[in-house]
Amino acid sequence: MLEVKLSEEEAKSGADPAALAELIEAVGACGNLRLLGLMTMPPWTEDPEASRPYFRRLRELAERHGLPQLSMGMSHDLEAAIEEGATCVRVGTALFGTRRA
């Protein structure tokens, strides 16, 4: 999967959506790589609905480029992620509890 940076948050990284087509083409030229989909991390918020626009944007990008998999959503916002098309969610906190500092 390719991570796409959809927020302005300094702490996040990933491919610029404007460069995605070129990056997908470059990955496709690598015989030992198989691109399945895209992933993203929206800015942290307690409100799961605030993540929805980021999930929707990633789904739109994946559809545009014919990529079937979407890794987005975590324990607190997985419902919105699934409603927007997530095929993979990260649920470590729901399974193991919060991390110790």
Protein backbone atom coordinates (compact mmCIF):
# COMPACT_ATOMS: atom_id res chain seq x y z
CA MET A 1 0.00 0.00 0.00
CA LEU A 2 1.03 3.59 -0.55
CA GLU A 3 0.46 6.09 2.23
CA VAL A 4 -1.14 9.32 1.05
CA LYS A 5 -0.83 12.54 3.04
CA LEU A 6 -4.23 14.19 3.01
CA SER A 7 -3.77 16.64 5.89
CA GLU A 8 -1.49 19.60 6.50
CA GLU A 9 -0.35 18.09 9.80
CA GLU A 10 3.45 18.23 10.15
CA ALA A 11 3.56 14.92 12.03
CA LYS A 12 2.02 13.02 9.10
CA SER A 13 3.83 11.83 6.02
CA GLY A 14 2.98 10.14 2.75
CA ALA A 15 2.66 10.78 -0.94
CA ASP A 16 1.22 14.04 -2.20
CA PRO A 17 -2.11 13.27 -3.91
CA ALA A 18 -0.97 15.32 -6.92
CA ALA A 19 2.03 12.99 -7.39
CA LEU A 20 0.07 9.77 -6.93
CA ALA A 21 -0.34 8.86 -10.61
CA GLU A 22 3.40 9.13 -11.21
CA LEU A 23 4.20 7.13 -8.07
CA ILE A 24 1.71 4.40 -8.99
CA GLU A 25 3.32 4.15 -12.43
CA ALA A 26 6.78 3.88 -10.86
CA VAL A 27 5.64 1.11 -8.52
CA GLY A 28 4.03 -0.69 -11.46
CA ALA A 29 7.39 -0.69 -13.26
CA CYS A 30 8.95 -2.63 -10.37
CA GLY A 31 8.51 -6.30 -11.18
CA ASN A 32 8.76 -7.48 -7.56
CA LEU A 33 6.19 -5.05 -6.15
CA ARG A 34 2.41 -5.39 -6.25
CA LEU A 35 0.42 -2.31 -5.31
CA LEU A 36 -2.87 -3.26 -3.69
CA GLY A 37 -4.19 0.03 -2.43
CA LEU A 38 -3.79 3.21 -0.43
CA MET A 39 -3.61 4.15 3.23
CA THR A 40 -3.90 7.36 5.22
CA MET A 41 -3.85 8.74 8.76
CA PRO A 42 -6.16 11.70 9.33
CA PRO A 43 -5.38 14.26 12.04
CA TRP A 44 -6.17 12.96 15.53
CA THR A 45 -9.50 14.00 16.95
CA GLU A 46 -11.91 12.55 19.51
CA ASP A 47 -14.74 13.06 16.98
CA PRO A 48 -14.78 10.10 14.57
CA GLU A 49 -16.88 12.06 12.08
CA ALA A 50 -14.05 14.57 11.64
CA SER A 51 -12.03 11.78 9.96
CA ARG A 52 -14.72 11.01 7.40
CA PRO A 53 -13.67 13.63 4.77
CA TYR A 54 -10.14 12.19 4.75
CA PHE A 55 -11.48 8.64 4.35
CA ARG A 56 -13.81 9.74 1.56
CA ARG A 57 -10.97 11.52 -0.27
CA LEU A 58 -8.76 8.44 -0.06
CA ARG A 59 -11.57 6.24 -1.42
CA GLU A 60 -12.02 8.64 -4.33
CA LEU A 61 -8.29 8.53 -5.10
CA ALA A 62 -8.25 4.73 -4.96
CA GLU A 63 -11.24 4.49 -7.28
CA ARG A 64 -9.64 6.93 -9.72
CA HIS A 65 -6.52 4.76 -9.89
CA GLY A 66 -8.25 1.37 -9.84
CA LEU A 67 -6.86 0.27 -6.47
CA PRO A 68 -9.14 -2.07 -4.48
CA GLN A 69 -7.71 -1.90 -0.95
CA LEU A 70 -8.04 0.93 1.58
CA SER A 71 -6.22 0.92 4.92
CA MET A 72 -7.77 3.66 7.01
CA GLY A 73 -9.36 3.99 10.40
CA MET A 74 -8.34 3.09 13.90
CA SER A 75 -10.16 1.90 17.00
CA HIS A 76 -11.92 5.22 17.62
CA ASP A 77 -13.07 5.95 14.05
CA LEU A 78 -13.33 2.54 12.40
CA GLU A 79 -17.08 2.79 11.81
CA ALA A 80 -16.68 5.93 9.68
CA ALA A 81 -13.73 4.33 7.88
CA ILE A 82 -15.70 1.18 7.06
CA GLU A 83 -18.68 3.23 5.88
CA GLU A 84 -16.31 5.06 3.54
CA GLY A 85 -14.87 1.83 2.12
CA ALA A 86 -12.01 0.68 4.38
CA THR A 87 -10.85 -2.86 3.75
CA CYS A 88 -8.24 -2.76 6.54
CA VAL A 89 -8.54 -1.03 9.92
CA ARG A 90 -6.01 -0.74 12.73
CA VAL A 91 -7.61 -1.70 16.02
CA GLY A 92 -4.69 -2.15 18.42
CA THR A 93 -6.15 0.07 21.13
CA ALA A 94 -9.48 -1.78 21.03
CA LEU A 95 -7.65 -5.09 21.41
CA PHE A 96 -4.79 -4.22 23.76
CA GLY A 97 -5.80 -0.98 25.47
CA THR A 98 -4.01 2.35 25.45
CA ARG A 99 -0.24 2.47 25.27
CA ARG A 100 1.80 3.28 28.32
CA ALA A 101 3.75 6.49 27.99
